[in-house]
Amino acid sequence: MLNTTWEFKLEPTAEQVSEIEQTLNVCRNVWNFALRERKDWLDSRKSPVNACSIRQEFILPADAPFPSYARQCKSLTAAKTDFPGLKTVNAQVLQQVIRKLEASWESWRLKWSGFPRFKKPNRMRSFLFPQMLKNCITPDGIKLPQLGLVKVRWSREIPDLFEVKQAQVVRKASGYFVMLSLQADVVIPATMPHGHPVGIDVGLEYFLSTSDGEQVKRPRFFNDLHRKLKSLQRRLKNKQKGSANWLKLQKKIARIHQRIADTRKDWHFKLAHHLCDNAGMVFVENLDFRIMAKGMLGKHTLDAGLGQFTNQILPWVCWKRDVYYGKVDARGTSQECSDCGAEVRKDLPTRIHHCHNCGSIKPRDVAAGQVICARGQRVVENACGREAAGTEVTQSNWHLLKQEIFGAT
């Protein structure tokens, strides 16, 4: 089963914009009420049996059940009689809000993320339609529940083999977008190792260095617009919070941040396609960039978007281009000689690799890329006996199917 998500720009009318904003506001209220209900239940279980807070205490029956997803959805249906505003929004949309809160709550409970936050005005930016009609796509736009026919900029044609399963309306600084979840009843085989191997070492001095000797300088997306962003934030400081001028500046600042993110993402995609042009296998280090983002170079790490490139964009482009993608152990890649395998200890300021055992001299990042490439090839050789997942579509048929879905690449 092939699942993918495509994004398109919406061009709603004034009435549809008002309806979208009303839906977002109701979803925000449902999120806050459901989160408050869960938080009150949790706080009522914190007090010791022989003492309570002097300031305030949550008193709930001892046998009160936890407000789970099923219970909150049931109470949401009953609350429509007391709150008529809930009837103006699709019931499944409100249920998806509680489902999203359930996922955030479980993520916090398992210590994967922080405690869910209450949504301030304009902080709820999306809502989801979990079910769509079969013939919802038209040349003029898309038919959405409650909104009707909304005009869409079809930047690419949706193939006939895809079926629209879900639609998520997202509000961004540059307008409204729809994220379509598409599904095709095909099984895609896993990409088999083949062709020329390339090892990639990422960093901050050079965004990446390949085992073939290519080094790409790190573009500074944030620095190019930092002066303008700083000026707008200074002006925002002197505005009254919540005023019309304050909101205008907030929108301008958001547009700049979105421009930075879009520029970074576009550059990442072009670089990923460039790497796949001359490679049959791509190997990267298995790193947790969240740790790097918390250090003294955190601002530059986040500006480069190393995690977005190596964990999201590059794997997707490799899968799309029939290039094998793999991760290797990152320990000691820069402390090992790529020619003889000897250990060559180097501090971070040392940017040249000089092996006293074999006399090899080359840039440190290029040597690390060659070590990554060698480790990746060893992993592939050890796993070469395993069969690829998926047998419904052969590798030759996948090329034809890929051209139908993504076009010629």
Protein backbone atom coordinates (compact mmCIF):
# COMPACT_ATOMS: atom_id res chain seq x y z
CA MET A 1 0.00 0.00 0.00
CA LEU A 2 1.49 3.31 -1.11
CA ASN A 3 0.65 6.32 1.07
CA THR A 4 1.81 9.86 0.43
CA THR A 5 0.79 13.42 1.27
CA TRP A 6 0.70 16.29 -1.22
CA GLU A 7 0.27 19.97 -0.39
CA PHE A 8 -1.70 22.48 -2.46
CA LYS A 9 -2.50 26.17 -2.06
CA LEU A 10 -6.14 27.07 -1.40
CA GLU A 11 -7.88 30.17 -2.74
CA PRO A 12 -10.99 30.41 -0.54
CA THR A 13 -13.63 33.09 -0.77
CA ALA A 14 -14.28 35.58 2.03
CA GLU A 15 -17.16 33.45 3.34
CA GLN A 16 -15.00 30.33 3.30
CA VAL A 17 -12.19 32.15 5.13
CA SER A 18 -14.67 33.17 7.82
CA GLU A 19 -15.88 29.56 8.07
CA ILE A 20 -12.31 28.27 8.37
CA GLU A 21 -11.48 30.75 11.12
CA GLN A 22 -14.68 29.84 12.98
CA THR A 23 -13.79 26.15 12.76
CA LEU A 24 -10.28 26.80 14.06
CA ASN A 25 -11.66 28.79 16.98
CA VAL A 26 -14.12 26.03 17.96
CA CYS A 27 -11.36 23.43 17.66
CA ARG A 28 -9.16 25.53 19.93
CA ASN A 29 -11.90 25.72 22.57
CA VAL A 30 -12.45 21.95 22.40
CA TRP A 31 -8.70 21.34 22.79
CA ASN A 32 -8.44 23.67 25.80
CA PHE A 33 -11.53 22.22 27.52
CA ALA A 34 -10.41 18.62 26.99
CA LEU A 35 -6.87 19.40 28.19
CA ARG A 36 -8.22 21.21 31.26
CA GLU A 37 -10.41 18.20 32.07
CA ARG A 38 -7.43 15.86 31.91
CA LYS A 39 -5.21 18.22 33.88
CA ASP A 40 -7.82 18.59 36.64
CA TRP A 41 -8.14 14.82 36.92
CA LEU A 42 -4.33 14.51 37.15
CA ASP A 43 -4.02 17.28 39.76
CA SER A 44 -6.77 15.75 41.90
CA ARG A 45 -4.60 12.64 42.29
CA LYS A 46 -1.50 14.53 43.44
CA SER A 47 -2.69 15.56 46.92
CA PRO A 48 -1.66 13.34 49.86
CA VAL A 49 -4.45 11.67 51.80
CA ASN A 50 -3.69 13.65 54.99
CA ALA A 51 -2.95 17.11 53.57
CA CYS A 52 -3.98 19.51 50.84
CA SER A 53 -2.82 22.76 49.35
CA ILE A 54 -3.52 25.96 51.31
CA ARG A 55 -4.20 27.93 48.15
CA GLN A 56 -6.46 25.58 46.17
CA GLU A 57 -7.14 21.90 45.60
CA PHE A 58 -8.93 19.86 42.96
CA ILE A 59 -11.62 17.72 44.55
CA LEU A 60 -12.98 14.98 42.32
CA PRO A 61 -14.63 11.70 43.33
CA ALA A 62 -12.15 8.97 44.04
CA ASP A 63 -13.84 6.67 41.55
CA ALA A 64 -13.97 9.29 38.78
CA PRO A 65 -12.61 7.60 35.62
CA PHE A 66 -9.84 9.15 33.57
CA PRO A 67 -11.24 11.32 30.74
CA SER A 68 -9.98 9.15 27.90
CA TYR A 69 -10.53 9.69 24.19
CA ALA A 70 -13.72 7.58 24.12
CA ARG A 71 -15.23 9.29 27.17
CA GLN A 72 -14.42 12.79 25.93
CA CYS A 73 -15.90 12.07 22.49
CA LYS A 74 -19.08 10.83 24.18
CA SER A 75 -19.29 13.92 26.39
CA LEU A 76 -18.63 16.09 23.32
CA THR A 77 -21.83 14.79 21.74
CA ALA A 78 -23.81 15.55 24.89
CA ALA A 79 -22.30 19.04 25.18
CA LYS A 80 -23.82 20.17 21.88
CA THR A 81 -27.13 20.83 23.64
CA ASP A 82 -25.49 23.29 26.05
CA PHE A 83 -23.04 24.79 23.55
CA PRO A 84 -24.75 25.31 20.15
CA GLY A 85 -21.47 26.53 18.65
CA LEU A 86 -20.24 22.92 18.55
CA LYS A 87 -22.97 22.09 16.05
CA THR A 88 -21.48 24.47 13.49
CA VAL A 89 -18.39 22.26 13.07
CA ASN A 90 -18.20 18.79 11.58
CA ALA A 91 -18.35 16.18 14.36
CA GLN A 92 -15.43 14.18 12.96
CA VAL A 93 -13.25 17.29 12.92
CA LEU A 94 -13.83 17.78 16.67
CA GLN A 95 -13.12 14.11 17.32
CA GLN A 96 -9.81 14.45 15.51
CA VAL A 97 -8.89 17.32 17.83
CA ILE A 98 -9.37 15.05 20.84
CA ARG A 99 -7.48 12.26 19.06
CA LYS A 100 -4.55 14.62 18.53
CA LEU A 101 -4.67 15.58 22.21
CA GLU A 102 -4.67 11.88 23.11
CA ALA A 103 -1.51 11.38 21.05
CA SER A 104 0.18 14.37 22.72
CA TRP A 105 -0.86 13.13 26.14
CA GLU A 106 0.56 9.64 25.49
CA SER A 107 3.77 11.16 24.15
CA TRP A 108 4.15 13.12 27.39
CA ARG A 109 3.28 10.09 29.51
CA LEU A 110 6.00 8.06 27.79
CA LYS A 111 8.48 10.96 28.30
CA TRP A 112 8.89 11.50 24.56
CA SER A 113 7.84 15.16 24.69
CA GLY A 114 6.69 17.88 27.06
CA PHE A 115 3.28 18.38 28.63
CA PRO A 116 0.56 19.47 26.13
CA ARG A 117 -0.02 23.22 26.10
CA PHE A 118 -3.19 25.26 26.03
CA LYS A 119 -3.86 26.99 22.72
CA LYS A 120 -3.94 30.78 22.69
CA PRO A 121 -5.91 32.66 19.99
CA ASN A 122 -4.42 32.03 16.53
CA ARG A 123 -2.35 29.13 17.85
CA MET A 124 -4.66 26.45 16.45
CA ARG A 125 -3.56 26.34 12.82
CA SER A 126 -5.11 23.21 11.29
CA PHE A 127 -8.03 20.83 11.36
CA LEU A 128 -8.55 17.47 9.69
CA PHE A 129 -11.34 15.88 7.69
CA PRO A 130 -10.75 12.12 8.23
CA GLN A 131 -13.16 10.99 5.50
CA MET A 132 -13.54 12.33 1.97
CA LEU A 133 -15.95 11.70 -0.88
CA LYS A 134 -14.70 9.60 -3.78
CA ASN A 135 -15.21 12.33 -6.40
CA CYS A 136 -14.08 15.30 -4.29
CA ILE A 137 -11.37 16.42 -6.77
CA THR A 138 -12.51 18.62 -9.65
CA PRO A 139 -10.57 20.85 -12.08
CA ASP A 140 -11.96 23.90 -10.26
CA GLY A 141 -11.02 22.80 -6.75
CA ILE A 142 -11.83 20.35 -3.99
CA LYS A 143 -15.12 19.62 -2.24
CA LEU A 144 -14.65 19.78 1.50
CA PRO A 145 -17.32 19.00 4.11
CA GLN A 146 -18.94 22.14 5.53
CA LEU A 147 -16.87 24.40 3.23
CA GLY A 148 -18.16 23.22 -0.13
CA LEU A 149 -16.12 23.67 -3.29
CA VAL A 150 -12.87 25.49 -2.52
CA LYS A 151 -10.66 26.72 -5.35
CA VAL A 152 -7.20 25.10 -5.43
CA ARG A 153 -3.97 25.85 -7.29
CA TRP A 154 -3.29 22.43 -8.77
CA SER A 155 0.51 22.62 -9.02
CA ARG A 156 0.59 19.00 -10.23
CA GLU A 157 -1.93 16.47 -11.42
CA ILE A 158 -3.09 13.71 -9.08
CA PRO A 159 -2.79 10.31 -10.86
CA ASP A 160 -5.92 8.21 -11.26
CA LEU A 161 -4.50 5.33 -9.22
CA PHE A 162 -4.52 7.50 -6.09
CA GLU A 163 -7.56 7.84 -3.82
CA VAL A 164 -7.99 10.81 -1.49
CA LYS A 165 -8.40 9.52 2.05
CA GLN A 166 -8.02 12.62 4.24
CA ALA A 167 -7.74 16.37 3.88
CA GLN A 168 -6.11 18.70 6.38
CA VAL A 169 -6.67 22.45 6.10
CA VAL A 170 -3.63 24.38 7.34
CA ARG A 171 -3.32 28.11 7.95
CA LYS A 172 0.14 29.55 7.29
CA ALA A 173 1.53 33.05 7.12
CA SER A 174 1.16 33.10 3.32
CA GLY A 175 -2.41 31.78 3.21
CA TYR A 176 -4.38 28.56 3.50
CA PHE A 177 -3.20 25.18 2.28
CA VAL A 178 -4.69 21.70 2.05
CA MET A 179 -2.70 18.54 2.79
CA LEU A 180 -4.19 15.61 0.88
CA SER A 181 -3.46 12.09 2.13
CA LEU A 182 -3.35 9.89 -0.97
CA GLN A 183 -3.42 6.11 -1.07
CA ALA A 184 -2.75 3.67 -3.93
CA ASP A 185 -3.40 -0.06 -3.80
CA VAL A 186 0.11 -1.14 -4.82
CA VAL A 187 3.06 -2.68 -2.99
CA ILE A 188 6.43 -1.08 -3.71
CA PRO A 189 9.58 -3.23 -3.41
CA ALA A 190 12.38 -2.00 -1.22
CA THR A 191 15.30 -0.44 -3.09
CA MET A 192 18.10 -2.96 -3.47
CA PRO A 193 21.76 -1.93 -3.05
CA HIS A 194 23.27 -1.21 -6.43
CA GLY A 195 25.49 1.20 -8.28
CA HIS A 196 28.10 3.63 -7.01
CA PRO A 197 28.24 4.07 -3.19
CA VAL A 198 28.54 7.52 -1.63
CA GLY A 199 29.19 8.29 2.02
CA ILE A 200 28.05 11.64 3.40
CA ASP A 201 29.48 13.46 6.42
CA VAL A 202 27.44 16.48 7.56
CA GLY A 203 28.71 19.41 9.58
CA LEU A 204 28.65 23.17 10.03
CA GLU A 205 31.83 24.34 8.29
CA TYR A 206 30.72 22.35 5.23
CA PHE A 207 27.09 21.34 5.09
CA LEU A 208 28.18 17.97 3.73
CA SER A 209 31.28 16.27 2.40
CA THR A 210 31.03 13.18 0.23
CA SER A 211 33.36 10.23 -0.11
CA ASP A 212 34.01 11.36 -3.71
CA GLY A 213 35.66 14.55 -2.45
CA GLU A 214 32.76 16.97 -3.06
CA GLN A 215 32.22 19.56 -0.33
CA VAL A 216 29.18 21.84 -0.13
CA LYS A 217 29.38 25.06 1.85
CA ARG A 218 26.66 25.65 4.42
CA PRO A 219 24.24 28.36 3.29
CA ARG A 220 23.14 30.71 6.05
CA PHE A 221 19.41 31.00 5.45
CA PHE A 222 18.68 32.84 8.70
CA ASN A 223 21.54 35.34 8.43
CA ASP A 224 20.35 36.69 5.09
CA LEU A 225 17.10 37.98 6.61
CA HIS A 226 18.28 38.41 10.19
CA ARG A 227 18.65 42.19 9.94
CA LYS A 228 15.10 42.68 8.63
CA LEU A 229 13.70 40.26 11.19
CA LYS A 230 15.49 42.02 14.02
CA SER A 231 14.13 45.40 12.91
CA LEU A 232 10.53 44.12 12.83
CA GLN A 233 10.87 42.50 16.26
CA ARG A 234 12.16 45.77 17.71
CA ARG A 235 9.11 47.57 16.33
CA LEU A 236 6.85 44.85 17.72
CA LYS A 237 8.23 45.45 21.19
CA ASN A 238 6.79 48.99 21.23
CA LYS A 239 3.31 48.00 20.03
CA GLN A 240 0.38 47.30 22.31
CA LYS A 241 -0.18 43.57 22.46
CA GLY A 242 -3.32 42.56 20.58
CA SER A 243 -3.71 45.84 18.69
CA ALA A 244 -4.18 46.05 14.92
CA ASN A 245 -0.60 47.26 14.34
CA TRP A 246 0.72 44.49 16.59
CA LEU A 247 -1.12 41.89 14.51
CA LYS A 248 0.20 43.37 11.26
CA LEU A 249 3.78 43.12 12.48
CA GLN A 250 3.17 39.58 13.69
CA LYS A 251 2.04 38.60 10.20
CA LYS A 252 5.11 40.22 8.62
CA ILE A 253 7.42 38.38 11.02
CA ALA A 254 5.65 35.10 10.31
CA ARG A 255 6.03 35.64 6.57
CA ILE A 256 9.79 36.09 6.98
CA HIS A 257 10.09 32.92 9.05
CA GLN A 258 8.10 31.00 6.44
CA ARG A 259 10.28 32.42 3.67
CA ILE A 260 13.39 31.20 5.51
CA ALA A 261 11.89 27.73 6.01
CA ASP A 262 10.72 27.47 2.39
CA THR A 263 14.11 28.55 1.05
CA ARG A 264 15.89 26.00 3.25
CA LYS A 265 13.54 23.20 2.20
CA ASP A 266 13.88 24.02 -1.49
CA TRP A 267 17.70 24.01 -1.23
CA HIS A 268 17.61 20.67 0.61
CA PHE A 269 15.51 19.05 -2.12
CA LYS A 270 17.78 20.32 -4.90
CA LEU A 271 20.87 19.10 -3.06
CA ALA A 272 19.30 15.67 -2.45
CA HIS A 273 18.50 15.28 -6.15
CA HIS A 274 22.06 16.35 -7.01
CA LEU A 275 23.45 13.61 -4.77
CA CYS A 276 21.16 10.98 -6.29
CA ASP A 277 22.22 11.89 -9.83
CA ASN A 278 25.59 10.15 -9.46
CA ALA A 279 24.91 7.54 -6.76
CA GLY A 280 23.24 4.16 -6.46
CA MET A 281 23.75 3.92 -2.68
CA VAL A 282 23.83 6.74 -0.12
CA PHE A 283 25.09 6.24 3.45
CA VAL A 284 24.86 8.76 6.30
CA GLU A 285 25.69 8.77 9.99
CA ASN A 286 23.06 7.76 12.52
CA LEU A 287 23.11 10.96 14.59
CA ASP A 288 20.66 12.63 16.97
CA PHE A 289 20.79 16.28 15.92
CA ARG A 290 18.58 17.33 18.83
CA ILE A 291 21.65 17.04 21.06
CA MET A 292 23.67 19.29 18.75
CA ALA A 293 20.82 21.83 18.74
CA LYS A 294 21.15 22.27 22.50
CA GLY A 295 24.82 23.21 22.47
CA MET A 296 26.65 26.47 21.85
CA LEU A 297 26.24 25.96 18.08
CA GLY A 298 22.53 25.24 18.36
CA LYS A 299 21.46 28.31 16.38
CA HIS A 300 23.66 27.34 13.42
CA THR A 301 22.57 23.69 13.63
CA LEU A 302 18.90 24.64 13.46
CA ASP A 303 19.59 27.12 10.66
CA ALA A 304 21.28 24.42 8.57
CA GLY A 305 18.42 21.94 9.13
CA LEU A 306 20.70 18.89 9.28
CA GLY A 307 18.02 16.68 10.79
CA GLN A 308 15.42 17.68 8.21
CA PHE A 309 17.83 16.88 5.40
CA THR A 310 19.25 13.54 6.58
CA ASN A 311 16.13 12.10 8.24
CA GLN A 312 13.29 13.35 6.04
CA ILE A 313 14.19 14.84 2.66
CA LEU A 314 17.17 12.71 1.63
CA PRO A 315 15.46 9.34 2.42
CA TRP A 316 12.37 10.43 0.48
CA VAL A 317 14.33 11.55 -2.58
CA CYS A 318 16.43 8.37 -2.50
CA TRP A 319 13.28 6.24 -2.42
CA LYS A 320 11.80 8.26 -5.24
CA ARG A 321 14.96 8.03 -7.36
CA ASP A 322 15.57 4.27 -6.72
CA VAL A 323 18.71 4.98 -4.69
CA TYR A 324 19.51 2.80 -1.69
CA TYR A 325 19.62 4.79 1.58
CA GLY A 326 21.26 3.51 4.75
CA LYS A 327 22.57 4.69 8.12
CA VAL A 328 25.78 3.58 9.79
CA ASP A 329 27.28 3.84 13.25
CA ALA A 330 28.62 7.36 13.78
CA ARG A 331 31.18 6.52 16.47
CA GLY A 332 34.76 7.30 15.49
CA THR A 333 34.16 8.16 11.84
CA SER A 334 36.44 11.20 12.06
CA GLN A 335 39.09 9.38 14.15
CA GLU A 336 39.73 6.56 11.68
CA CYS A 337 41.91 6.53 8.59
CA SER A 338 39.90 5.83 5.48
CA ASP A 339 42.87 4.20 3.69
CA CYS A 340 44.47 1.91 6.25
CA GLY A 341 41.93 1.84 9.09
CA ALA A 342 44.37 3.10 11.73
CA GLU A 343 43.17 5.30 14.57
CA VAL A 344 44.11 8.95 14.05
CA ARG A 345 43.06 11.10 17.00
CA LYS A 346 42.01 14.64 16.04
CA ASP A 347 40.56 17.57 17.98
CA LEU A 348 37.64 19.53 16.57
CA PRO A 349 39.81 22.48 15.36
CA THR A 350 41.98 20.05 13.32
CA ARG A 351 40.43 20.09 9.84
CA ILE A 352 43.08 18.08 7.96
CA HIS A 353 43.38 14.31 8.24
CA HIS A 354 47.05 13.20 8.34
CA CYS A 355 47.71 9.52 8.94
CA HIS A 356 51.25 8.80 10.18
CA ASN A 357 50.79 5.10 9.43
CA CYS A 358 50.14 5.31 5.64
CA GLY A 359 50.87 8.98 5.00
CA SER A 360 47.36 9.83 3.78
CA ILE A 361 46.57 13.57 3.79
CA LYS A 362 43.09 14.87 2.92
CA PRO A 363 40.33 17.06 4.37
CA ARG A 364 38.97 15.67 7.61
CA ASP A 365 35.32 15.66 6.47
CA VAL A 366 36.14 13.89 3.19
CA ALA A 367 38.03 11.19 5.10
CA ALA A 368 35.04 10.77 7.43
CA GLY A 369 32.75 10.44 4.39
CA GLN A 370 34.97 7.67 3.02
CA VAL A 371 34.85 5.85 6.36
CA ILE A 372 31.04 6.13 6.34
CA CYS A 373 30.94 4.76 2.80
CA ALA A 374 33.13 1.78 3.75
CA ARG A 375 30.99 1.00 6.81
CA GLY A 376 27.83 1.20 4.75
CA GLN A 377 29.23 -1.24 2.17
CA ARG A 378 30.12 -3.71 4.93
CA VAL A 379 26.59 -3.52 6.30
CA VAL A 380 25.15 -4.12 2.83
CA GLU A 381 27.46 -7.10 2.24
CA ASN A 382 26.36 -8.68 5.54
CA ALA A 383 22.66 -8.19 4.71
CA CYS A 384 22.82 -9.04 1.00
CA GLY A 385 21.07 -12.36 1.55
CA ARG A 386 17.86 -10.76 2.80
CA GLU A 387 14.93 -10.45 0.41
CA ALA A 388 13.40 -7.09 -0.43
CA ALA A 389 9.98 -6.36 1.05
CA GLY A 390 7.11 -6.30 -1.43
CA THR A 391 6.53 -8.59 -4.36
CA GLU A 392 3.48 -7.12 -6.04
CA VAL A 393 5.43 -4.64 -8.16
CA THR A 394 8.72 -5.64 -9.75
CA GLN A 395 11.65 -3.24 -9.94
CA SER A 396 11.17 -2.72 -13.67
CA ASN A 397 7.46 -2.00 -13.28
CA TRP A 398 8.24 0.43 -10.47
CA HIS A 399 10.08 2.70 -12.93
CA LEU A 400 6.93 2.96 -15.05
CA LEU A 401 4.75 3.49 -12.00
CA LYS A 402 7.12 6.16 -10.70
CA GLN A 403 6.90 8.09 -13.95
CA GLU A 404 3.10 8.02 -13.73
CA ILE A 405 3.09 9.26 -10.11
CA PHE A 406 5.99 11.69 -9.94
CA GLY A 407 6.76 12.37 -13.60
CA ALA A 408 10.14 11.96 -15.25
CA THR A 409 13.09 12.51 -12.92
